[in-house]
Structures are given as structure tokens and as C-alpha cells.
Protein backbone atom coordinates (compact mmCIF):
# COMPACT_ATOMS: atom_id res chain seq x y z
CA MET A 1 -9.38 34.03 4.55
CA ASN A 2 -9.48 31.04 6.76
CA ASN A 3 -6.34 29.08 7.31
CA SER A 4 -7.84 26.61 9.93
CA LYS A 5 -6.50 23.51 10.37
CA ILE A 6 -7.35 20.59 7.59
CA TRP A 7 -6.32 17.01 9.13
CA LEU A 8 -5.47 14.72 6.65
CA SER A 9 -7.90 12.16 8.11
CA SER A 10 -10.49 13.38 10.99
CA PRO A 11 -13.02 12.05 12.76
CA HIS A 12 -16.90 12.20 10.82
CA MET A 13 -20.03 12.28 12.88
CA GLY A 14 -22.76 11.31 11.28
CA GLY A 15 -25.19 12.92 14.14
CA ASN A 16 -27.10 9.96 14.75
CA GLU A 17 -24.15 8.63 17.72
CA ARG A 18 -24.81 10.35 20.19
CA ASN A 19 -28.23 9.05 21.00
CA PHE A 20 -26.62 4.94 20.70
CA VAL A 21 -24.20 6.83 23.55
CA GLN A 22 -27.00 8.39 25.51
CA GLU A 23 -29.08 5.00 25.38
CA ALA A 24 -25.89 3.67 27.01
CA PHE A 25 -25.58 6.16 29.53
CA ASP A 26 -29.82 5.94 30.57
CA THR A 27 -29.23 1.81 31.57
CA ASN A 28 -26.41 2.11 32.74
CA TRP A 29 -24.22 -0.28 30.04
CA VAL A 30 -21.31 1.31 30.12
CA ALA A 31 -19.01 -1.49 30.65
CA PRO A 32 -17.27 -3.98 28.01
CA LEU A 33 -20.01 -5.76 27.04
CA GLY A 34 -24.35 -4.74 26.22
CA PRO A 35 -26.66 -4.17 23.72
CA ASN A 36 -24.01 -1.80 21.69
CA VAL A 37 -22.08 -4.12 21.43
CA ASN A 38 -23.36 -6.69 20.40
CA GLY A 39 -25.40 -4.42 17.82
CA PHE A 40 -22.66 -2.98 16.66
CA GLU A 41 -20.58 -6.80 15.83
CA LYS A 42 -24.68 -7.50 14.26
CA ASP A 43 -23.95 -4.51 11.84
CA LEU A 44 -20.67 -6.13 10.93
CA GLU A 45 -21.99 -9.00 9.96
CA GLU A 46 -24.40 -7.97 8.40
CA TYR A 47 -22.48 -5.31 6.28
CA LEU A 48 -19.27 -7.95 5.55
CA ASN A 49 -22.06 -10.38 5.10
CA ASP A 50 -20.03 -14.00 3.31
CA GLU A 51 -21.24 -15.68 6.92
CA SER A 52 -18.17 -13.68 8.78
CA HIS A 53 -18.20 -13.74 12.69
CA VAL A 54 -17.30 -10.72 14.71
CA GLY A 55 -15.63 -9.53 17.86
CA ALA A 56 -15.58 -5.97 18.32
CA MET A 57 -12.12 -5.03 20.71
CA SER A 58 -10.39 -2.14 22.10
CA SER A 59 -7.99 -1.87 19.15
CA GLY A 60 -7.27 -3.01 15.77
CA THR A 61 -4.26 -4.08 17.02
CA ALA A 62 -5.88 -6.20 19.48
CA ALA A 63 -7.41 -8.15 17.46
CA ILE A 64 -4.17 -8.95 15.09
CA HIS A 65 -2.89 -10.34 18.01
CA LEU A 66 -5.85 -12.38 19.12
CA GLY A 67 -5.68 -13.58 15.55
CA LEU A 68 -2.07 -14.86 15.99
CA ILE A 69 -2.97 -16.60 19.07
CA LEU A 70 -6.06 -18.48 17.17
CA LEU A 71 -3.32 -19.52 14.39
CA ASP A 72 -1.19 -20.94 17.20
CA VAL A 73 1.72 -18.36 16.40
CA LYS A 74 4.18 -18.88 19.83
CA SER A 75 7.60 -18.37 21.09
CA GLY A 76 9.90 -18.78 18.16
CA ASP A 77 7.85 -19.27 15.07
CA GLU A 78 8.08 -16.78 12.41
CA VAL A 79 5.26 -14.47 11.04
CA ILE A 80 5.51 -13.20 7.56
CA CYS A 81 4.63 -9.26 7.36
CA GLN A 82 3.80 -6.87 4.22
CA SER A 83 6.50 -4.51 4.90
CA MET A 84 4.93 -1.59 3.89
CA THR A 85 2.39 -1.03 6.66
CA PHE A 86 2.16 0.59 9.59
CA SER A 87 4.04 -1.07 12.99
CA ALA A 88 0.24 -2.31 14.61
CA SER A 89 0.63 -5.20 11.64
CA ALA A 90 3.71 -6.57 13.15
CA ASN A 91 4.32 -5.20 16.63
CA PRO A 92 1.53 -8.47 18.06
CA ILE A 93 4.52 -10.60 16.14
CA LEU A 94 6.71 -9.63 18.80
CA TYR A 95 3.94 -10.20 21.48
CA GLN A 96 4.13 -13.32 20.71
CA GLY A 97 7.99 -13.91 20.71
CA ALA A 98 7.31 -14.92 17.04
CA THR A 99 10.08 -13.25 14.38
CA PRO A 100 8.66 -11.31 11.66
CA VAL A 101 9.89 -11.93 8.10
CA PHE A 102 9.01 -9.20 5.83
CA ILE A 103 7.90 -8.94 2.20
CA ASP A 104 8.04 -6.35 -0.42
CA SER A 105 5.16 -4.39 -1.91
CA GLU A 106 4.53 -4.81 -5.73
CA SER A 107 4.65 -1.31 -7.80
CA GLU A 108 0.11 -1.99 -8.54
CA THR A 109 -1.31 -1.59 -5.44
CA TRP A 110 1.52 -1.48 -3.57
CA ASN A 111 0.73 -4.49 -1.26
CA MET A 112 2.51 -7.79 -0.75
CA CYS A 113 4.48 -8.92 -3.10
CA PRO A 114 3.18 -12.27 -4.84
CA VAL A 115 6.74 -13.48 -6.46
CA SER A 116 8.34 -12.40 -3.20
CA LEU A 117 6.35 -13.82 -0.73
CA GLU A 118 7.18 -17.37 -2.45
CA LYS A 119 10.68 -16.95 -2.07
CA ALA A 120 10.45 -15.95 1.33
CA ILE A 121 7.99 -19.14 1.85
CA VAL A 122 10.53 -21.74 -0.32
CA ASP A 123 13.53 -20.22 1.59
CA ARG A 124 12.18 -20.43 5.34
CA ILE A 125 11.30 -23.72 4.26
CA SER A 126 14.99 -24.75 2.97
CA ASN A 127 16.41 -23.01 6.46
CA GLY A 128 14.11 -25.28 8.43
CA LYS A 129 11.59 -23.26 9.80
CA LYS A 130 8.57 -23.38 7.87
CA PRO A 131 6.31 -20.07 8.23
CA LYS A 132 3.21 -20.36 10.48
CA ALA A 133 1.35 -17.75 9.20
CA ILE A 134 0.83 -14.67 6.69
CA ILE A 135 0.11 -10.87 7.73
CA ALA A 136 -1.49 -9.33 4.31
CA VAL A 137 -2.62 -5.54 4.50
CA HIS A 138 -5.28 -3.69 2.69
CA LEU A 139 -2.52 -0.83 2.54
CA TYR A 140 -4.47 3.00 2.61
CA GLY A 141 -8.03 0.74 1.41
CA MET A 142 -6.72 -1.00 -1.75
CA PRO A 143 -7.01 -4.22 -1.75
CA TYR A 144 -4.11 -6.41 -2.27
CA LYS A 145 -3.64 -9.08 -5.08
CA VAL A 146 -5.79 -11.48 -3.34
CA GLU A 147 -6.02 -14.55 -5.58
CA GLU A 148 -2.63 -14.74 -5.95
CA ILE A 149 -1.59 -14.30 -2.25
CA HIS A 150 -3.99 -16.51 -1.39
CA ALA A 151 -3.03 -18.75 -4.11
CA VAL A 152 0.94 -19.05 -2.59
CA ALA A 153 -1.01 -19.09 1.14
CA ALA A 154 -2.67 -22.36 -0.16
CA LYS A 155 0.04 -23.89 -1.91
CA TYR A 156 2.63 -24.28 0.92
CA GLY A 157 -0.50 -24.73 3.83
CA ILE A 158 -0.28 -21.18 5.45
CA PRO A 159 -2.64 -19.43 6.56
CA VAL A 160 -3.26 -15.55 6.22
CA LEU A 161 -4.36 -12.89 8.65
CA GLU A 162 -5.77 -10.28 6.62
CA ASP A 163 -5.00 -6.99 8.09
CA SER A 164 -8.43 -4.56 6.84
CA ALA A 165 -7.48 -1.70 9.44
CA GLU A 166 -7.50 0.20 6.62
CA ALA A 167 -10.11 -1.19 4.50
CA LEU A 168 -13.40 -1.64 5.43
CA GLY A 169 -15.96 -0.76 2.72
CA SER A 170 -13.29 -1.79 -0.23
CA HIS A 171 -13.66 -4.99 -1.51
CA TYR A 172 -12.23 -7.37 -4.57
CA LYS A 173 -14.81 -8.91 -7.60
CA ASN A 174 -17.97 -7.59 -4.99
CA LYS A 175 -16.19 -9.32 -1.45
CA LYS A 176 -15.70 -7.01 0.98
CA CYS A 177 -12.12 -6.65 2.43
CA GLY A 178 -11.91 -8.52 5.70
CA THR A 179 -13.42 -11.52 4.67
CA PHE A 180 -10.98 -13.35 2.79
CA GLY A 181 -8.48 -14.45 5.63
CA ASP A 182 -8.69 -16.93 7.89
CA ILE A 183 -8.78 -14.75 10.51
CA ALA A 184 -9.08 -10.72 10.09
CA ALA A 185 -8.45 -7.84 11.55
CA LEU A 186 -10.40 -4.30 11.13
CA SER A 187 -9.75 -0.86 12.90
CA PHE A 188 -12.00 2.80 14.30
CA ASN A 189 -9.32 4.88 15.00
CA GLY A 190 -10.29 8.25 15.23
CA ASN A 191 -8.60 8.63 11.66
CA LYS A 192 -10.31 5.18 10.17
CA ILE A 193 -13.34 5.19 7.77
CA ILE A 194 -15.38 4.98 10.51
CA THR A 195 -14.30 5.38 14.56
CA THR A 196 -15.16 3.97 17.81
CA SER A 197 -13.14 6.60 19.20
CA GLY A 198 -11.08 3.72 19.27
CA GLY A 199 -10.93 0.23 18.69
CA GLY A 200 -11.22 -2.81 16.24
CA ALA A 201 -12.15 -6.10 15.37
CA ILE A 202 -11.85 -9.58 14.90
CA VAL A 203 -13.37 -11.13 11.94
CA THR A 204 -13.82 -14.87 11.84
CA GLN A 205 -15.12 -17.65 9.14
CA ASN A 206 -16.83 -19.48 11.94
CA LYS A 207 -18.77 -19.04 15.25
CA GLU A 208 -16.41 -21.11 17.39
CA THR A 209 -13.52 -18.89 16.45
CA LYS A 210 -14.99 -16.12 17.54
CA ASP A 211 -16.60 -16.77 20.94
CA LYS A 212 -12.59 -18.15 22.06
CA ALA A 213 -11.50 -14.64 20.75
CA VAL A 214 -14.18 -13.15 22.67
CA PHE A 215 -13.27 -15.47 25.67
CA LEU A 216 -9.48 -14.58 25.38
CA SER A 217 -11.15 -10.67 25.06
CA THR A 218 -11.80 -11.07 27.85
CA GLN A 219 -9.35 -12.18 30.42
CA ALA A 220 -9.89 -15.99 29.81
CA ARG A 221 -12.18 -16.39 32.91
CA ASP A 222 -13.71 -19.82 33.06
CA ASN A 223 -17.41 -20.84 33.44
CA ALA A 224 -17.31 -20.89 36.88
CA PRO A 225 -19.48 -18.75 39.94
CA HIS A 226 -15.89 -17.26 41.80
CA TYR A 227 -12.72 -16.18 39.22
CA GLN A 228 -10.71 -19.17 37.85
CA HIS A 229 -8.32 -18.55 34.78
CA SER A 230 -6.83 -21.60 32.88
CA GLU A 231 -5.37 -19.97 30.00
CA VAL A 232 -3.16 -16.39 29.61
CA GLY A 233 -6.63 -13.77 28.55
CA PHE A 234 -6.30 -9.87 27.94
CA ASN A 235 -8.24 -6.75 28.46
CA TYR A 236 -8.84 -6.38 24.69
CA ARG A 237 -13.05 -6.42 24.73
CA MET A 238 -14.89 -2.74 23.44
CA SER A 239 -17.13 -0.95 25.05
CA ASN A 240 -20.81 -0.37 25.30
CA ILE A 241 -19.87 3.10 24.86
CA CYS A 242 -17.64 2.98 21.99
CA ALA A 243 -19.84 0.77 20.25
CA GLY A 244 -22.12 2.68 20.39
CA ILE A 245 -20.30 5.27 18.36
CA GLY A 246 -19.56 2.66 16.40
CA ARG A 247 -23.78 2.12 15.30
CA GLY A 248 -24.26 5.47 14.42
CA GLN A 249 -21.30 5.41 12.18
CA MET A 250 -22.10 2.36 10.46
CA GLU A 251 -25.28 3.89 9.29
CA VAL A 252 -23.33 6.43 7.43
CA LEU A 253 -20.48 4.41 6.73
CA ASP A 254 -21.58 4.16 2.78
CA SER A 255 -22.00 7.44 2.62
CA HIS A 256 -18.29 7.96 4.10
CA VAL A 257 -16.70 5.98 1.09
CA LEU A 258 -18.67 7.75 -1.59
CA LEU A 259 -17.27 10.91 -0.28
CA ARG A 260 -13.16 9.35 0.06
CA ARG A 261 -14.04 8.19 -2.91
CA LYS A 262 -14.90 11.38 -4.65
CA MET A 263 -12.07 12.68 -2.91
CA ASN A 264 -9.68 9.95 -4.43
CA GLN A 265 -11.07 11.77 -8.24
CA PHE A 266 -10.74 15.08 -7.59
CA TYR A 267 -6.86 14.27 -7.08
CA ALA A 268 -6.89 11.89 -9.71
CA ASP A 269 -8.31 15.30 -12.02
CA TYR A 270 -6.05 17.31 -11.14
CA PHE A 271 -2.65 15.10 -11.07
CA ALA A 272 -3.93 13.96 -14.75
CA ASN A 273 -2.54 17.04 -16.61
CA ILE A 274 0.76 16.89 -14.28
CA ASP A 275 4.06 15.05 -15.19
CA GLY A 276 5.59 13.20 -12.42
CA VAL A 277 2.70 12.61 -10.53
CA THR A 278 1.04 9.11 -9.54
CA ILE A 279 -2.25 8.77 -7.89
CA LEU A 280 -2.75 5.25 -6.03
CA LYS A 281 -5.37 3.72 -8.40
CA GLU A 282 -7.56 0.75 -9.02
CA ILE A 283 -5.49 -2.35 -11.84
CA ASP A 284 -8.79 -2.76 -12.83
CA ASN A 285 -12.30 -3.03 -12.23
CA ASN A 286 -12.10 -5.97 -9.76
CA TYR A 287 -10.58 -3.42 -7.48
CA TYR A 288 -12.97 -1.41 -5.35
CA SER A 289 -10.97 0.68 -2.43
CA ASN A 290 -12.54 3.18 -0.43
CA HIS A 291 -10.25 5.18 -0.95
CA TRP A 292 -9.22 6.02 3.24
CA LEU A 293 -6.26 8.11 2.04
CA SER A 294 -5.26 8.78 -1.44
CA ALA A 295 -1.51 9.04 -2.07
CA ILE A 296 0.70 10.03 -4.43
CA ILE A 297 4.02 9.46 -5.26
CA VAL A 298 6.10 12.47 -7.25
CA ASP A 299 8.92 11.93 -9.46
CA PRO A 300 11.69 14.68 -8.91
CA LYS A 301 13.05 13.62 -12.01
CA LYS A 302 10.19 14.77 -13.98
CA THR A 303 8.98 17.51 -11.53
CA GLU A 304 11.75 19.76 -12.55
CA GLY A 305 13.74 18.61 -8.90
CA LYS A 306 10.74 18.80 -6.55
CA THR A 307 10.27 16.62 -4.26
CA ARG A 308 7.56 15.17 -2.25
CA GLU A 309 8.41 17.21 1.17
CA ASP A 310 8.60 19.95 -0.45
CA LEU A 311 5.41 19.25 -1.45
CA ARG A 312 4.33 18.70 1.82
CA MET A 313 6.67 21.32 3.47
CA ALA A 314 4.37 23.67 1.13
CA PHE A 315 1.36 22.30 2.84
CA GLU A 316 2.36 22.63 6.30
CA ALA A 317 3.13 26.37 5.53
CA GLU A 318 -0.66 26.96 5.06
CA ASN A 319 -1.43 24.48 7.65
CA ILE A 320 -2.69 21.72 5.89
CA GLU A 321 -1.15 18.10 7.21
CA SER A 322 0.22 15.55 4.44
CA ARG A 323 2.36 12.69 5.50
CA PRO A 324 4.88 10.32 3.79
CA LEU A 325 4.11 6.85 3.43
CA TRP A 326 5.09 4.25 5.81
CA LYS A 327 7.92 4.09 6.41
CA PRO A 328 8.78 0.39 5.68
CA MET A 329 9.01 -2.13 8.41
CA HIS A 330 12.35 -3.79 7.12
CA LEU A 331 13.53 0.52 7.68
CA GLN A 332 12.59 0.51 10.77
CA PRO A 333 15.04 0.58 14.06
CA ILE A 334 13.11 -2.02 16.05
CA PHE A 335 12.57 -4.17 13.21
CA GLU A 336 15.91 -4.04 11.08
CA LYS A 337 17.09 -6.73 11.96
CA TYR A 338 15.08 -9.37 10.77
CA PRO A 339 14.23 -11.00 7.36
CA TYR A 340 13.24 -9.50 4.08
CA TYR A 341 12.77 -10.37 0.81
CA GLY A 342 12.17 -8.95 -2.26
CA GLU A 343 13.86 -5.61 -3.71
CA GLN A 344 13.41 -1.57 -3.31
CA VAL A 345 10.00 -1.35 -4.06
CA SER A 346 8.53 -0.33 -0.73
CA GLU A 347 11.74 2.15 -0.18
CA GLY A 348 11.34 3.69 -3.72
CA LEU A 349 7.48 4.35 -2.59
CA PHE A 350 8.24 6.16 1.05
CA GLN A 351 11.27 8.09 -0.30
CA ASN A 352 8.93 9.10 -2.90
CA GLY A 353 5.29 8.99 -1.69
CA LEU A 354 3.03 11.09 -0.26
CA CYS A 355 -0.30 10.92 1.54
CA LEU A 356 -2.43 13.67 1.05
CA PRO A 357 -5.70 14.92 3.07
CA SER A 358 -8.93 12.40 2.32
CA GLY A 359 -11.79 12.91 5.05
CA SER A 360 -14.92 12.36 4.30
CA ASN A 361 -15.62 16.09 6.07
CA LEU A 362 -14.17 18.26 3.84
CA THR A 363 -15.62 21.07 2.01
CA ASP A 364 -15.71 22.63 -1.25
CA GLN A 365 -13.69 25.32 0.60
CA ASP A 366 -10.74 22.70 1.71
CA ARG A 367 -10.59 21.70 -1.87
CA SER A 368 -10.30 24.90 -3.17
CA ARG A 369 -7.70 25.87 -0.53
CA ILE A 370 -5.58 22.75 -1.15
CA LYS A 371 -6.08 23.20 -4.85
CA ASP A 372 -4.20 26.64 -4.67
CA VAL A 373 -1.18 24.88 -2.74
CA LEU A 374 -0.61 22.77 -5.63
CA ASP A 375 -1.20 25.69 -8.28
CA VAL A 376 1.93 27.09 -6.64
CA PHE A 377 3.85 23.96 -6.47
CA PHE A 378 3.76 22.62 -9.75
CA LYS A 379 2.86 26.02 -12.09
């Protein structure tokens, strides 16, 4: 019997990536600029539409960091951040010497709770510290409550940095994730919908902001014949080699999204008759998730005491990777001293939630092995 590793979310090449990379070698464009970088940015701009301007960066974290700089976040400022997320959403706040203020999730999309967001803003303002920016995340590809979050942000005049690292291909009311924020960040890490092996992108609403991001990402070198610098810069630009992989991946992005959604439907169909298991699904037809990761909540009160950790270990015994949901930032040792607003929604999600194998390259044999584990575990 085949017992090879089934990964949570592994890279899935389309085949044409090699040609773009080979062209970069053939033309000696291996630096952090070149035709593939320009082409990849253009591909992303055409995909996102909505007059977006894209700068290809070395990581999604770099994009978030530059986004905070462009939003004028400085030492001593406060930045609101979704607590239920990967640490890369919050770390750049500390890079700037600013203070993160964490917000609980709501139970429908598992993303930032608009009610807790407004409470936090009102309280911070009453303490004489109006937040400088809001980092909202589309968790696991599920769009956050766009209208509610942005209505609160607009009410208090606070810009939104949209963390769309997990949501390329998702949309809300037919508008692509990555186009809602004043600035947005994408990620092309190895486990994402598409990959450049590592890499990310910053998405802006105008060319001037994009040009500023690119300037800062290339060590902020002034326009002079010698090396001259008037601002602090960063080595954050994507290489032409990585961008070549990205150009090939853009050709299969839509098919990857459909395959991830098919995998999510596989789980939805399976758990439809399993009491005590809830799968993360769209609230209504306005939401369209790429289902980067399919995630479930296991209620041990309804599963005869079986927990998500029991299920994770059952998968592990069969060489199948699964993973608990993100541990909320306000529970992390590095962040637990910072302000937090909300109830215990994100804590409950972490305690009972599990991400299941979701890759676009999973086979029928893989699904059969996954189903066998579930059958034994639940039946």
C-alpha cells in the first residue's frame, strides 16, 4: 500500500514555469529586476483588475512592512491587527516600533470582528491614541466582512492594510481580494495557491505609491550616478528567477482555485452527515473563497469526546499532514502583553479547529486515504 506523505498544501507546478526560468538564464537576467518581474507584475495587475498597481517583493511579510511604512506608521504608533492570523501579519508592526492592538474573530468568516474593531478604536481614541492603520486578513482564503470592516475604518478615518496573503483568487461581490485595502499584500510562499518558491507582492491604488514601494524595496537608492541614499531602504525586491516561476504559475491560477474548491467540497460532502464537525464555508453567494486551506471545527461534546487533536494524530499515524488553526496572536508569548479586544471566539477556533490536506495536486488515491482515516475515526 502506498504510504507516501500527503502534505497539507504543497507546491503545484503547471509546467511552463521552467520555460520562463530558462529564458532568464539564457538572457542572464538573474538579478532582482528584469522582464519576468515586469511581466509577473503585469499579469497580477490584469488578474486583479480594478486599476491595481502591483510591485513584486521578496515575501508577503516585506509587502506588509512596506505597506505600514507607506501608511506612515512610526515608532510609538498603534496598529490594529486581526488576532487569528499567522505572525507575519503582526511582526512588521514591531519592525516599525509600533504597538499592535489585537482584535477577536467573528464566528462566520473567522476573520476580524467588526463590533470588536469599533470598540477597540473608540477605546484607543479615548486613551488619546488613535490607531494609525488596520491590518485585516482573509483567513484561509475566506474574505473578511468587507463592507462592515471598511465602514468602521471609514467612520474613523483609518486606512486598511489588506492582508490577502492567503486569498489570491478569492473575491467578494465579484471584486477580487487584494483590491479592497488602501494597500494590500499577497504571498507566493511555497504552500500558497501559486508560488514563486518564496515571494510576495504589494498592491496599491495608484502608480505613485507602487513606485515608492519599489524605491524603498531596492535600498532607496537616489537617482544619482553614484550610490546615494536619503531614506532608509530595504532589500525586498523579487528576483527575475522567482518571478519567472510566478509567470508560469499565473497560467494555472484559476485551475488551482477550482481544484482547491473541489477539495473543500469533498470535505463538505463527507462531513454533512457527521454530527459535531463544522467546515468553514462561505456565508452566502457574495463570498467566494479560494479555499486555500479547508478547515473544520470539531466539537468533542458531539463526537463522543473525540477532539481535533485526536484526529490530527490519526492522520499523522497514516503519514498525512494536518495542522491546528493559527494560534491567535494575543496568546503568543511575543504578543501576549499587548492590548486585545473581543471575547473568546478565536481561542475556541484554535482549541477545536484543524486544517485538512487541501492541495490542488491531491489525487483520487490521496482522497481515498484521507477518507479511510475519517471513516475509522468517526465511524
